[in-house]
Structures are given as C-alpha cells and as structure tokens.
Amino acid sequence: MRDALEQERRKIAADVHDLVMQDLALALANARALADDPGHASQVGVIVAAGERALAGARRVMSGLIAQEREPVVESVEAAVRAAARSMPLRFDAGSVPLDSQPDQQTLDALVHIAREAVANAIKHTSPTEIEVTLERFDEWRLRVCDDGHGFSPTAAHGGFGLDSMSRHAQALGGSLRVISGPERGTTVEAMLP
C-alpha cells in the first residue's frame, strides 16, 4: 500500500511538472518578452503576475508531493556534519525539531551545505578540540555551529570563500548568516532560514 501511494505521488508530481509547470514557464517567458512593448505593458503585467502566482503554487504542490522522498532534515544535517568532522569530537542536538518538520528541498540543501562548511572551516582554520552543532525549528530554521578553537577576526576573514558561500546560501532563501568569533574565543556560525 505504501509503495502504491509513493508511486502515485511521483506520478502526480511528474504530471504537475510536465503538464503544468513547463507550459507556465513558457507562457511567462513569452509574456515577459511582450512586456517590452509599451502598447502591451499594462496587460502583460497582469498576465505575468497571474502566471508567477500559478507557477509558485505548482511548485508548492510538487514540493508537498515529493517531500516524502527527501531524507529527513535531522538525519541529513547530522550525517553531513559527522562526515565533515571526521574524527573530531562532535555533539549534535536537534531535540527541538518537531518530528514532522521537513523543509523544502532548497532549504534542506542550504542547511546541509552551511552545516558541513562551518564544521569543515572550524577544523581547517581554528584548531578546535570539540564542535557542537544545534538544529532548531520554531518560526524559522536555526542552525548553530560552535567550536572551542582559537577563533579569528571575522572582519579580517571577510571575503573568504567558505564564509561567502554560507552567506550566499542563506541570503538566497531570505535568511541570514552571523559569525561570532575573536582571537582565542572560539567561533559560532549561526544561520537563520525561513
């Protein structure tokens, strides 16, 4: 029964993608091209807005249908940080994440990327003896990676690939990234995602 339901979800998701989303995307591309014509600009604006709402709705439907296929967020983040930590002692806490809480795929990917990058950066740059990773879900997703390493000056490290990459992933989803560190104080990387 479970396999039959899963197959039906996949079929519906594929139909939404193939029969609805692709045509909407094509219609939007053509409507946007017409927006450059001053004679049609006001009419096209209404069409584009309606198409964008419909496309966003179709994405939400698809996301809900395929949510069952994604690896649970707690397991995904924990596996990523443990792999990045290698033999470094690491504590992982996700006790405040409700059992039924699962982000969309983009948010899941960002959480995994930021967690993995923060742990790898700590090991590579601050020589910690222990790392603590906390994942929480209240009104938003909050990921915190703390280490007891020698720290650094975040302003001096500005422009580093790892910090920029984590920040870009958070900002792309309307979230934020904060880094708290100082010489001999350890480092905390905190990401907040809607």
C-alpha atoms as a PDB file:
ATOM      1  CA  MET A   1       0.000   0.000   0.000  1.00  0.00           C
ATOM      2  CA  ARG A   2       2.795   2.401   0.950  1.00  0.00           C
ATOM      3  CA  ASP A   3       4.648   1.677  -2.319  1.00  0.00           C
ATOM      4  CA  ALA A   4       1.465   2.262  -4.321  1.00  0.00           C
ATOM      5  CA  LEU A   5       0.914   5.629  -2.610  1.00  0.00           C
ATOM      6  CA  GLU A   6       4.516   6.626  -3.234  1.00  0.00           C
ATOM      7  CA  GLN A   7       4.237   5.713  -6.926  1.00  0.00           C
ATOM      8  CA  GLU A   8       1.031   7.730  -7.209  1.00  0.00           C
ATOM      9  CA  ARG A   9       2.719  10.767  -5.566  1.00  0.00           C
ATOM     10  CA  ARG A  10       5.594  10.533  -8.038  1.00  0.00           C
ATOM     11  CA  LYS A  11       3.192  10.250 -10.979  1.00  0.00           C
ATOM     12  CA  ILE A  12       1.219  13.309  -9.853  1.00  0.00           C
ATOM     13  CA  ALA A  13       4.435  15.289  -9.231  1.00  0.00           C
ATOM     14  CA  ALA A  14       5.702  14.358 -12.713  1.00  0.00           C
ATOM     15  CA  ASP A  15       2.361  15.378 -14.246  1.00  0.00           C
ATOM     16  CA  VAL A  16       2.391  18.723 -12.415  1.00  0.00           C
ATOM     17  CA  HIS A  17       5.918  19.325 -13.684  1.00  0.00           C
ATOM     18  CA  ASP A  18       5.418  18.120 -17.248  1.00  0.00           C
ATOM     19  CA  LEU A  19       1.842  19.276 -17.911  1.00  0.00           C
ATOM     20  CA  VAL A  20       1.601  22.458 -15.820  1.00  0.00           C
ATOM     21  CA  MET A  21       4.921  23.946 -14.788  1.00  0.00           C
ATOM     22  CA  GLN A  22       6.678  23.703 -18.157  1.00  0.00           C
ATOM     23  CA  ASP A  23       3.793  25.374 -20.006  1.00  0.00           C
ATOM     24  CA  LEU A  24       3.526  28.068 -17.335  1.00  0.00           C
ATOM     25  CA  ALA A  25       7.247  28.780 -17.583  1.00  0.00           C
ATOM     26  CA  LEU A  26       6.989  29.039 -21.393  1.00  0.00           C
ATOM     27  CA  ALA A  27       3.949  31.330 -21.171  1.00  0.00           C
ATOM     28  CA  LEU A  28       5.722  33.539 -18.645  1.00  0.00           C
ATOM     29  CA  ALA A  29       8.845  33.803 -20.802  1.00  0.00           C
ATOM     30  CA  ASN A  30       6.725  34.886 -23.783  1.00  0.00           C
ATOM     31  CA  ALA A  31       4.683  37.324 -21.687  1.00  0.00           C
ATOM     32  CA  ARG A  32       7.840  38.902 -20.283  1.00  0.00           C
ATOM     33  CA  ALA A  33       9.147  39.365 -23.820  1.00  0.00           C
ATOM     34  CA  LEU A  34       5.923  41.256 -24.699  1.00  0.00           C
ATOM     35  CA  ALA A  35       6.350  43.491 -21.629  1.00  0.00           C
ATOM     36  CA  ASP A  36       8.974  45.469 -23.553  1.00  0.00           C
ATOM     37  CA  ASP A  37       6.291  46.665 -25.973  1.00  0.00           C
ATOM     38  CA  PRO A  38       4.779  49.865 -24.470  1.00  0.00           C
ATOM     39  CA  GLY A  39       1.420  49.110 -26.087  1.00  0.00           C
ATOM     40  CA  HIS A  40       1.032  45.862 -24.145  1.00  0.00           C
ATOM     41  CA  ALA A  41       2.923  46.593 -20.918  1.00  0.00           C
ATOM     42  CA  SER A  42      -0.101  47.054 -18.602  1.00  0.00           C
ATOM     43  CA  GLN A  43      -1.930  43.958 -19.858  1.00  0.00           C
ATOM     44  CA  VAL A  44       1.214  41.853 -19.806  1.00  0.00           C
ATOM     45  CA  GLY A  45       1.931  42.862 -16.186  1.00  0.00           C
ATOM     46  CA  VAL A  46      -1.364  41.314 -15.076  1.00  0.00           C
ATOM     47  CA  ILE A  47      -0.667  38.142 -17.072  1.00  0.00           C
ATOM     48  CA  VAL A  48       2.880  37.803 -15.722  1.00  0.00           C
ATOM     49  CA  ALA A  49       1.701  38.289 -12.129  1.00  0.00           C
ATOM     50  CA  ALA A  50      -1.001  35.623 -12.536  1.00  0.00           C
ATOM     51  CA  GLY A  51       1.451  33.232 -14.175  1.00  0.00           C
ATOM     52  CA  GLU A  52       4.028  33.733 -11.424  1.00  0.00           C
ATOM     53  CA  ARG A  53       1.390  33.013  -8.758  1.00  0.00           C
ATOM     54  CA  ALA A  54       0.307  29.859 -10.598  1.00  0.00           C
ATOM     55  CA  LEU A  55       3.904  28.691 -11.040  1.00  0.00           C
ATOM     56  CA  ALA A  56       4.648  29.278  -7.346  1.00  0.00           C
ATOM     57  CA  GLY A  57       1.501  27.324  -6.441  1.00  0.00           C
ATOM     58  CA  ALA A  58       2.517  24.436  -8.695  1.00  0.00           C
ATOM     59  CA  ARG A  59       5.964  24.397  -7.063  1.00  0.00           C
ATOM     60  CA  ARG A  60       4.358  24.181  -3.615  1.00  0.00           C
ATOM     61  CA  VAL A  61       2.150  21.298  -4.741  1.00  0.00           C
ATOM     62  CA  MET A  62       5.149  19.474  -6.210  1.00  0.00           C
ATOM     63  CA  SER A  63       7.216  20.126  -3.101  1.00  0.00           C
ATOM     64  CA  GLY A  64       4.496  18.619  -0.939  1.00  0.00           C
ATOM     65  CA  LEU A  65       4.166  15.598  -3.181  1.00  0.00           C
ATOM     66  CA  ILE A  66       7.864  14.790  -3.200  1.00  0.00           C
ATOM     67  CA  ALA A  67       8.508  15.691   0.443  1.00  0.00           C
ATOM     68  CA  GLN A  68       8.160  12.025   1.328  1.00  0.00           C
ATOM     69  CA  GLU A  69      11.125  11.199  -0.912  1.00  0.00           C
ATOM     70  CA  ARG A  70      13.578  13.526   0.828  1.00  0.00           C
ATOM     71  CA  GLU A  71      15.825  12.314   3.586  1.00  0.00           C
ATOM     72  CA  PRO A  72      14.627  13.774   6.901  1.00  0.00           C
ATOM     73  CA  VAL A  73      16.311  17.058   7.772  1.00  0.00           C
ATOM     74  CA  VAL A  74      17.763  15.916  11.104  1.00  0.00           C
ATOM     75  CA  GLU A  75      19.401  12.848   9.579  1.00  0.00           C
ATOM     76  CA  SER A  76      20.686  14.840   6.580  1.00  0.00           C
ATOM     77  CA  VAL A  77      22.312  17.576   8.653  1.00  0.00           C
ATOM     78  CA  GLU A  78      23.732  15.148  11.202  1.00  0.00           C
ATOM     79  CA  ALA A  79      25.237  12.919   8.506  1.00  0.00           C
ATOM     80  CA  ALA A  80      26.825  15.939   6.799  1.00  0.00           C
ATOM     81  CA  VAL A  81      28.444  17.331   9.957  1.00  0.00           C
ATOM     82  CA  ARG A  82      29.675  13.951  11.167  1.00  0.00           C
ATOM     83  CA  ALA A  83      31.272  13.287   7.780  1.00  0.00           C
ATOM     84  CA  ALA A  84      32.915  16.742   7.796  1.00  0.00           C
ATOM     85  CA  ALA A  85      34.128  16.312  11.389  1.00  0.00           C
ATOM     86  CA  ARG A  86      35.844  13.009  10.630  1.00  0.00           C
ATOM     87  CA  SER A  87      37.477  12.054  13.946  1.00  0.00           C
ATOM     88  CA  MET A  88      36.880  15.413  15.684  1.00  0.00           C
ATOM     89  CA  PRO A  89      34.611  15.109  18.746  1.00  0.00           C
ATOM     90  CA  LEU A  90      31.220  16.489  17.749  1.00  0.00           C
ATOM     91  CA  ARG A  91      27.964  16.916  19.666  1.00  0.00           C
ATOM     92  CA  PHE A  92      24.769  17.163  17.646  1.00  0.00           C
ATOM     93  CA  ASP A  93      21.454  18.331  19.090  1.00  0.00           C
ATOM     94  CA  ALA A  94      18.178  18.555  17.171  1.00  0.00           C
ATOM     95  CA  GLY A  95      15.862  17.964  20.107  1.00  0.00           C
ATOM     96  CA  SER A  96      13.684  20.989  19.371  1.00  0.00           C
ATOM     97  CA  VAL A  97      12.922  19.970  15.764  1.00  0.00           C
ATOM     98  CA  PRO A  98       9.378  18.563  15.629  1.00  0.00           C
ATOM     99  CA  LEU A  99       9.245  15.029  14.235  1.00  0.00           C
ATOM    100  CA  ASP A 100       7.007  16.047  11.333  1.00  0.00           C
ATOM    101  CA  SER A 101       9.032  19.138  10.410  1.00  0.00           C
ATOM    102  CA  GLN A 102      10.659  18.964   6.984  1.00  0.00           C
ATOM    103  CA  PRO A 103      11.894  21.938   4.932  1.00  0.00           C
ATOM    104  CA  ASP A 104      11.580  22.253   1.183  1.00  0.00           C
ATOM    105  CA  GLN A 105      14.475  20.883  -0.862  1.00  0.00           C
ATOM    106  CA  GLN A 106      16.254  24.253  -1.263  1.00  0.00           C
ATOM    107  CA  THR A 107      16.197  24.902   2.476  1.00  0.00           C
ATOM    108  CA  LEU A 108      17.349  21.358   3.223  1.00  0.00           C
ATOM    109  CA  ASP A 109      20.234  21.764   0.769  1.00  0.00           C
ATOM    110  CA  ALA A 110      21.210  25.104   2.329  1.00  0.00           C
ATOM    111  CA  LEU A 111      21.124  23.702   5.883  1.00  0.00           C
ATOM    112  CA  VAL A 112      23.308  20.759   4.874  1.00  0.00           C
ATOM    113  CA  HIS A 113      25.748  22.966   2.962  1.00  0.00           C
ATOM    114  CA  ILE A 114      26.106  25.559   5.727  1.00  0.00           C
ATOM    115  CA  ALA A 115      26.483  22.925   8.453  1.00  0.00           C
ATOM    116  CA  ARG A 116      29.092  20.965   6.510  1.00  0.00           C
ATOM    117  CA  GLU A 117      31.026  24.110   5.512  1.00  0.00           C
ATOM    118  CA  ALA A 118      31.023  25.547   9.053  1.00  0.00           C
ATOM    119  CA  VAL A 119      32.360  22.300  10.539  1.00  0.00           C
ATOM    120  CA  ALA A 120      34.995  21.915   7.804  1.00  0.00           C
ATOM    121  CA  ASN A 121      36.102  25.545   8.245  1.00  0.00           C
ATOM    122  CA  ALA A 122      36.396  25.123  12.009  1.00  0.00           C
ATOM    123  CA  ILE A 123      38.625  22.077  11.635  1.00  0.00           C
ATOM    124  CA  LYS A 124      40.707  23.644   8.886  1.00  0.00           C
ATOM    125  CA  HIS A 125      41.194  27.123  10.385  1.00  0.00           C
ATOM    126  CA  THR A 126      40.619  27.266  14.164  1.00  0.00           C
ATOM    127  CA  SER A 127      42.061  24.017  15.612  1.00  0.00           C
ATOM    128  CA  PRO A 128      39.127  23.137  17.888  1.00  0.00           C
ATOM    129  CA  THR A 129      39.058  20.244  20.345  1.00  0.00           C
ATOM    130  CA  GLU A 130      35.264  19.950  20.100  1.00  0.00           C
ATOM    131  CA  ILE A 131      32.421  21.151  17.887  1.00  0.00           C
ATOM    132  CA  GLU A 132      28.767  21.481  18.832  1.00  0.00           C
ATOM    133  CA  VAL A 133      26.015  21.628  16.196  1.00  0.00           C
ATOM    134  CA  THR A 134      22.453  22.589  17.089  1.00  0.00           C
ATOM    135  CA  LEU A 135      19.491  22.467  14.695  1.00  0.00           C
ATOM    136  CA  GLU A 136      16.235  24.088  15.807  1.00  0.00           C
ATOM    137  CA  ARG A 137      12.850  24.761  14.270  1.00  0.00           C
ATOM    138  CA  PHE A 138      10.455  27.291  15.718  1.00  0.00           C
ATOM    139  CA  ASP A 139       9.178  30.078  13.449  1.00  0.00           C
ATOM    140  CA  GLU A 140      12.259  29.522  11.303  1.00  0.00           C
ATOM    141  CA  TRP A 141      15.125  27.079  10.908  1.00  0.00           C
ATOM    142  CA  ARG A 142      18.126  27.911  13.070  1.00  0.00           C
ATOM    143  CA  LEU A 143      21.458  26.152  12.670  1.00  0.00           C
ATOM    144  CA  ARG A 144      24.293  26.895  15.085  1.00  0.00           C
ATOM    145  CA  VAL A 145      27.835  25.524  14.793  1.00  0.00           C
ATOM    146  CA  CYS A 146      30.079  26.374  17.761  1.00  0.00           C
ATOM    147  CA  ASP A 147      33.693  25.400  18.243  1.00  0.00           C
ATOM    148  CA  ASP A 148      36.236  25.944  21.015  1.00  0.00           C
ATOM    149  CA  GLY A 149      39.109  26.715  18.639  1.00  0.00           C
ATOM    150  CA  HIS A 150      41.415  29.702  18.655  1.00  0.00           C
ATOM    151  CA  GLY A 151      38.935  31.869  16.752  1.00  0.00           C
ATOM    152  CA  PHE A 152      39.626  34.646  14.301  1.00  0.00           C
ATOM    153  CA  SER A 153      38.599  38.183  13.470  1.00  0.00           C
ATOM    154  CA  PRO A 154      35.503  37.884  11.235  1.00  0.00           C
ATOM    155  CA  THR A 155      36.266  41.239   9.589  1.00  0.00           C
ATOM    156  CA  ALA A 156      39.753  40.050   8.646  1.00  0.00           C
ATOM    157  CA  ALA A 157      38.283  36.850   7.185  1.00  0.00           C
ATOM    158  CA  HIS A 158      35.644  38.704   5.147  1.00  0.00           C
ATOM    159  CA  GLY A 159      35.837  37.617   1.553  1.00  0.00           C
ATOM    160  CA  GLY A 160      36.888  34.059   2.368  1.00  0.00           C
ATOM    161  CA  PHE A 161      35.231  31.532   0.084  1.00  0.00           C
ATOM    162  CA  GLY A 162      33.684  29.420   2.865  1.00  0.00           C
ATOM    163  CA  LEU A 163      32.035  32.305   4.723  1.00  0.00           C
ATOM    164  CA  ASP A 164      30.843  33.911   1.493  1.00  0.00           C
ATOM    165  CA  SER A 165      29.406  30.614   0.264  1.00  0.00           C
ATOM    166  CA  MET A 166      27.488  30.030   3.503  1.00  0.00           C
ATOM    167  CA  SER A 167      26.198  33.605   3.482  1.00  0.00           C
ATOM    168  CA  ARG A 168      25.055  33.359  -0.152  1.00  0.00           C
ATOM    169  CA  HIS A 169      23.151  30.132   0.551  1.00  0.00           C
ATOM    170  CA  ALA A 170      21.328  31.744   3.490  1.00  0.00           C
ATOM    171  CA  GLN A 171      20.558  35.016   1.708  1.00  0.00           C
ATOM    172  CA  ALA A 172      19.291  33.228  -1.415  1.00  0.00           C
ATOM    173  CA  LEU A 173      16.431  31.902   0.705  1.00  0.00           C
ATOM    174  CA  GLY A 174      15.731  35.176   2.514  1.00  0.00           C
ATOM    175  CA  GLY A 175      17.712  34.107   5.559  1.00  0.00           C
ATOM    176  CA  SER A 176      20.823  35.378   7.258  1.00  0.00           C
ATOM    177  CA  LEU A 177      24.188  34.193   8.493  1.00  0.00           C
ATOM    178  CA  ARG A 178      26.006  35.539  11.527  1.00  0.00           C
ATOM    179  CA  VAL A 179      29.572  34.766  12.579  1.00  0.00           C
ATOM    180  CA  ILE A 180      30.744  35.477  16.121  1.00  0.00           C
ATOM    181  CA  SER A 181      34.414  34.977  16.816  1.00  0.00           C
ATOM    182  CA  GLY A 182      37.525  36.555  18.143  1.00  0.00           C
ATOM    183  CA  PRO A 183      41.099  35.529  18.837  1.00  0.00           C
ATOM    184  CA  GLU A 184      41.159  32.736  21.459  1.00  0.00           C
ATOM    185  CA  ARG A 185      37.331  32.854  21.872  1.00  0.00           C
ATOM    186  CA  GLY A 186      36.154  30.093  19.590  1.00  0.00           C
ATOM    187  CA  THR A 187      33.699  30.622  16.756  1.00  0.00           C
ATOM    188  CA  THR A 188      29.928  30.453  16.367  1.00  0.00           C
ATOM    189  CA  VAL A 189      28.306  30.340  12.942  1.00  0.00           C
ATOM    190  CA  GLU A 190      24.551  30.838  13.079  1.00  0.00           C
ATOM    191  CA  ALA A 191      22.237  30.552  10.099  1.00  0.00           C
ATOM    192  CA  MET A 192      18.561  31.500  10.206  1.00  0.00           C
ATOM    193  CA  LEU A 193      16.356  30.383   7.327  1.00  0.00           C
ATOM    194  CA  PRO A 194      12.603  30.969   6.881  1.00  0.00           C
END
